[in-house]
Protein backbone atom coordinates (compact mmCIF):
# COMPACT_ATOMS: atom_id res chain seq x y z
CA MET A 1 -92.03 -167.49 -150.16
CA GLY A 2 -92.65 -165.14 -153.14
CA GLU A 3 -90.19 -162.80 -154.76
CA GLY A 4 -89.30 -159.86 -152.55
CA ARG A 5 -86.87 -157.03 -152.01
CA LYS A 6 -84.90 -155.54 -149.11
CA THR A 7 -85.91 -152.23 -147.56
CA GLY A 8 -84.84 -150.35 -144.51
CA ARG A 9 -87.83 -151.75 -142.69
CA GLY A 10 -87.34 -155.35 -143.72
CA LYS A 11 -88.38 -157.69 -146.45
CA ILE A 12 -91.77 -157.21 -148.19
CA GLU A 13 -93.48 -160.21 -149.78
CA ILE A 14 -94.70 -159.54 -153.33
CA LYS A 15 -98.31 -160.66 -153.30
CA MET A 16 -101.71 -158.99 -153.40
CA ILE A 17 -102.39 -156.84 -150.35
CA GLU A 18 -105.58 -158.08 -148.72
CA ASN A 19 -106.41 -154.89 -146.83
CA THR A 20 -108.24 -152.57 -149.23
CA THR A 21 -106.99 -149.34 -147.67
CA ASN A 22 -103.37 -150.47 -147.62
CA ARG A 23 -103.70 -151.68 -151.21
CA GLN A 24 -104.91 -148.28 -152.40
CA VAL A 25 -102.18 -146.44 -150.50
CA THR A 26 -99.48 -148.71 -151.96
CA TYR A 27 -100.91 -148.31 -155.48
CA SER A 28 -100.88 -144.53 -155.18
CA LYS A 29 -97.28 -144.41 -153.95
CA ARG A 30 -95.90 -146.83 -156.55
CA ARG A 31 -97.84 -145.21 -159.35
CA GLY A 32 -96.15 -141.94 -158.46
CA GLY A 33 -92.79 -143.71 -158.55
CA LEU A 34 -93.49 -145.14 -162.01
CA PHE A 35 -94.52 -141.75 -163.36
CA LYS A 36 -91.35 -140.23 -161.91
CA LYS A 37 -89.21 -142.87 -163.64
CA ALA A 38 -91.07 -142.31 -166.91
CA LYS A 39 -90.36 -138.59 -166.75
CA GLU A 40 -86.71 -139.27 -166.02
CA LEU A 41 -86.46 -141.61 -169.03
CA THR A 42 -88.06 -138.95 -171.22
CA VAL A 43 -85.57 -136.28 -170.17
CA LEU A 44 -82.38 -138.35 -169.76
CA CYS A 45 -82.75 -140.69 -172.71
CA ASP A 46 -84.90 -138.66 -175.13
CA ALA A 47 -87.39 -141.53 -175.07
CA GLN A 48 -91.09 -141.45 -175.87
CA VAL A 49 -92.84 -143.09 -172.94
CA CYS A 50 -96.55 -143.83 -172.56
CA LEU A 51 -98.04 -145.33 -169.38
CA LEU A 52 -101.67 -146.45 -169.08
CA MET A 53 -102.83 -147.66 -165.67
CA LEU A 54 -106.13 -148.93 -164.28
CA SER A 55 -106.52 -149.47 -160.56
CA SER A 56 -108.61 -152.21 -158.94
CA THR A 57 -111.31 -149.55 -158.48
CA ASN A 58 -111.27 -148.91 -162.27
CA LYS A 59 -109.60 -145.52 -161.89
CA PHE A 60 -107.68 -144.61 -165.04
CA CYS A 61 -104.30 -142.87 -164.98
CA GLU A 62 -102.10 -141.93 -167.91
CA TYR A 63 -98.69 -140.45 -168.55
CA CYS A 64 -97.28 -139.60 -171.95
CA SER A 65 -94.05 -137.85 -172.89
CA PRO A 66 -94.61 -134.18 -173.79
CA SER A 67 -93.18 -134.74 -177.29
CA THR A 68 -95.88 -137.23 -178.29
CA ASN A 69 -99.38 -138.48 -177.47
CA THR A 70 -101.08 -141.80 -176.84
CA LYS A 71 -102.36 -142.28 -180.39
CA ALA A 72 -98.95 -141.54 -181.87
CA VAL A 73 -97.37 -144.12 -179.57
CA PHE A 74 -99.94 -146.73 -180.65
CA ASP A 75 -99.31 -145.94 -184.31
CA ARG A 76 -95.55 -146.37 -183.85
CA TYR A 77 -96.21 -149.62 -182.00
CA GLN A 78 -98.18 -150.97 -184.97
CA GLN A 79 -95.45 -149.92 -187.39
CA ALA A 80 -92.71 -151.49 -185.27
CA THR A 81 -94.52 -154.78 -184.59
CA ARG A 82 -96.62 -154.95 -187.79
CA ILE A 83 -99.64 -155.73 -185.63
CA ASP A 84 -102.95 -154.02 -186.40
CA ILE A 85 -104.44 -153.49 -182.97
CA TRP A 86 -107.62 -151.98 -184.49
CA GLU A 87 -108.34 -154.78 -186.98
CA GLU A 88 -110.78 -156.68 -184.78
CA GLN A 89 -112.65 -153.52 -183.86
CA TYR A 90 -112.71 -152.41 -187.50
CA ASN A 91 -114.13 -155.76 -188.64
CA SER A 92 -116.77 -155.60 -185.94
CA MET A 93 -117.79 -152.11 -187.05
CA GLN A 94 -117.96 -153.23 -190.68
CA LYS A 95 -120.21 -156.12 -189.74
CA GLU A 96 -122.51 -153.85 -187.74
CA LEU A 97 -122.63 -151.35 -190.59
CA ALA A 98 -123.65 -154.08 -193.04
CA GLN A 99 -126.45 -155.20 -190.71
CA LEU A 100 -127.73 -151.65 -190.32
CA THR A 101 -127.63 -151.14 -194.09
CA ASP A 102 -129.68 -154.29 -194.68
CA THR A 103 -132.20 -153.25 -192.06
CA ASN A 104 -132.50 -149.77 -193.56
CA ASN A 105 -133.03 -151.16 -197.08
CA ARG A 106 -135.67 -153.60 -195.83
CA LEU A 107 -137.58 -150.85 -194.02
CA ARG A 108 -137.43 -148.58 -197.07
CA ARG A 109 -138.81 -151.39 -199.22
CA GLU A 110 -141.65 -152.11 -196.76
CA ILE A 111 -142.59 -148.43 -196.60
CA SER A 112 -142.59 -148.22 -200.40
CA GLN A 113 -144.79 -151.32 -200.67
CA ARG A 114 -147.26 -149.91 -198.15
CA MET A 115 -147.49 -146.86 -200.42
CA GLY A 116 -148.43 -149.15 -203.31
CA GLU A 117 -145.01 -149.16 -204.98
CA ASP A 118 -142.46 -151.89 -205.78
CA LEU A 119 -145.13 -154.61 -205.88
CA ASP A 120 -144.03 -156.34 -209.09
CA ASP A 121 -141.65 -158.75 -207.33
CA LEU A 122 -144.23 -159.94 -204.76
CA ASP A 123 -146.02 -163.26 -205.17
CA MET A 124 -149.61 -163.96 -204.14
CA ARG A 125 -148.69 -164.99 -200.60
CA GLN A 126 -146.64 -161.85 -200.07
CA LEU A 127 -149.40 -159.66 -201.52
CA ARG A 128 -151.96 -161.20 -199.15
CA GLY A 129 -149.63 -160.66 -196.22
CA LEU A 130 -149.12 -157.02 -197.22
CA GLU A 131 -152.87 -156.54 -197.57
CA GLN A 132 -153.45 -157.99 -194.12
CA ASP A 133 -150.77 -155.74 -192.59
CA ILE A 134 -152.33 -152.67 -194.20
CA GLU A 135 -155.82 -153.63 -192.95
CA GLU A 136 -154.51 -154.10 -189.42
CA SER A 137 -152.78 -150.71 -189.55
CA LEU A 138 -155.96 -149.11 -190.89
CA ASN A 139 -158.02 -150.64 -188.08
CA THR A 140 -155.54 -149.33 -185.56
CA VAL A 141 -155.78 -145.82 -187.02
CA ARG A 142 -159.58 -145.96 -187.06
CA GLY A 143 -159.69 -147.14 -183.47
CA ARG A 144 -157.44 -144.29 -182.40
CA LYS A 145 -159.57 -141.79 -184.32
CA GLU A 146 -162.81 -143.05 -182.75
CA LYS A 147 -161.26 -142.94 -179.30
CA GLN A 148 -160.18 -139.34 -179.83
CA ILE A 149 -163.62 -138.36 -181.14
CA SER A 150 -165.26 -139.97 -178.10
CA SER A 151 -162.91 -138.14 -175.75
CA GLN A 152 -163.59 -134.79 -177.42
CA THR A 153 -167.34 -135.44 -177.32
CA GLU A 154 -167.25 -136.15 -173.59
CA THR A 155 -165.26 -132.98 -173.00
CA PHE A 156 -167.79 -130.96 -174.99
CA LYS A 157 -170.69 -132.49 -173.04
CA LYS A 158 -169.04 -131.52 -169.77
CA LYS A 159 -168.60 -127.95 -170.98
CA VAL A 160 -172.26 -127.79 -172.06
CA LYS A 161 -173.37 -129.20 -168.70
CA SER A 162 -171.26 -126.61 -166.87
CA SER A 163 -172.81 -123.83 -168.96
CA GLU A 164 -176.32 -125.10 -168.21
CA VAL A 165 -175.56 -125.14 -164.47
CA GLN A 166 -174.25 -121.57 -164.59
CA HIS A 167 -177.27 -120.46 -166.60
CA HIS A 168 -179.62 -122.07 -164.06
CA MET A 169 -177.84 -120.31 -161.21
CA LEU A 170 -178.27 -116.94 -162.94
CA LEU A 171 -181.98 -117.58 -163.42
CA GLN A 172 -182.30 -118.46 -159.74
CA LYS A 173 -180.67 -115.16 -158.81
CA LEU A 174 -183.13 -113.28 -161.04
CA VAL A 175 -186.06 -115.09 -159.44
CA GLU A 176 -184.77 -114.20 -155.97
CA ALA A 177 -184.50 -110.57 -157.05
CA ARG A 178 -188.28 -110.57 -157.62
CA PHE A 179 -188.86 -111.09 -153.91
CA ASN A 180 -186.20 -108.61 -152.83
CA TYR A 181 -187.19 -105.67 -155.09
CA GLY A 182 -190.74 -106.49 -156.15
CA TYR A 183 -192.27 -107.79 -159.36
CA VAL A 184 -194.20 -105.75 -161.98
CA ASP A 185 -195.29 -106.27 -165.55
CA GLY A 186 -193.11 -104.44 -167.99
CA GLY A 187 -192.89 -103.87 -171.68
CA PRO A 188 -192.15 -106.70 -174.03
CA ASN A 189 -188.61 -105.49 -174.76
CA GLU A 190 -187.54 -104.81 -171.21
CA PHE A 191 -184.92 -107.42 -170.07
CA GLY A 192 -186.21 -109.62 -172.86
CA PRO A 193 -182.93 -110.86 -174.38
CA LEU A 194 -181.55 -111.85 -171.00
CA MET A 195 -184.63 -113.78 -169.92
CA ASP A 196 -185.06 -115.49 -173.28
CA LEU A 197 -182.12 -117.72 -172.30
CA SER A 198 -184.33 -119.70 -169.94
CA GLY A 199 -186.73 -120.86 -172.66
CA GLY A 200 -189.59 -120.94 -170.14
CA GLU A 201 -192.24 -118.69 -168.75
CA ALA A 202 -189.63 -116.34 -167.39
CA ALA A 203 -188.95 -115.26 -170.97
CA HIS A 204 -192.34 -113.48 -171.05
CA GLN A 205 -191.84 -111.71 -167.71
CA THR A 206 -189.86 -108.62 -166.80
CA TYR A 207 -188.81 -107.26 -163.48
CA GLY A 208 -189.18 -103.80 -162.06
CA PHE A 209 -187.87 -102.29 -158.87
CA ARG A 210 -189.52 -100.23 -156.14
CA VAL A 211 -188.28 -99.05 -152.79
CA GLN A 212 -189.20 -101.37 -149.94
CA PRO A 213 -190.35 -100.09 -146.52
CA SER A 214 -187.05 -101.25 -145.07
CA GLN A 215 -185.20 -98.63 -147.14
CA PRO A 216 -184.52 -95.10 -145.76
CA ASN A 217 -187.32 -92.56 -145.92
CA LEU A 218 -186.33 -90.25 -148.74
CA HIS A 219 -189.09 -87.68 -147.92
CA GLY A 220 -187.34 -86.51 -144.81
CA ALA A 221 -183.87 -86.42 -146.26
CA GLY A 222 -184.15 -82.82 -147.37
CA TYR A 223 -183.81 -83.42 -151.10
CA GLY A 224 -187.13 -81.74 -151.98
CA PHE A 225 -188.69 -84.73 -153.69
CA HIS A 226 -192.36 -85.29 -152.92
CA GLU A 227 -192.77 -88.53 -154.83
CA LEU A 228 -190.00 -90.97 -155.71
CA ARG A 229 -190.87 -94.14 -157.63
CA LEU A 230 -188.56 -96.61 -159.32
CA SER A 231 -191.24 -98.77 -160.88
């Protein structure tokens, strides 16, 4: 039987509570009791109290006396015990900083060498390796450039093709207009610039318009015109 205590409801065995819900309820109640005791110690005894708690669900709770803070308590702990609680972390940070510094210096040196500088300390093997790296980088850049040129060329071809299709559609509409409104020979400058876009025989032809029999009879409309011609 583990260590226990007497309560009004009987003896409670001190061991981990298996039921998760009951465990969380008990943690919450006893945490409140600890915080209450800490506050009482702060007021009654003029003590500086700091409580740090982590539940089984990784929930963090903290209490610190109003006259101080967590960092100040840690600093006083180091002074009282002469233990540097940050030494391991500081050494780890120093080691990481040294590694980053070495990496940064190496990259700076490589960039400088690729620019043709700081080559005096390189032997023949290193110079050949640098030359090979530069050639590979150059090939990569050239490949990317050619790919971009090819992509832009294809886009331009599509735009040209779309323009040709639209131009052909416009010519078709002009040809259809010949049957709807009639076709006559005109002067060389009439509609010339528009039809020159086709580059074919249509460039040497012009279109005129005349009223078809299906249109209203303008003689009987009372406008006083005896002859009306549009061509």
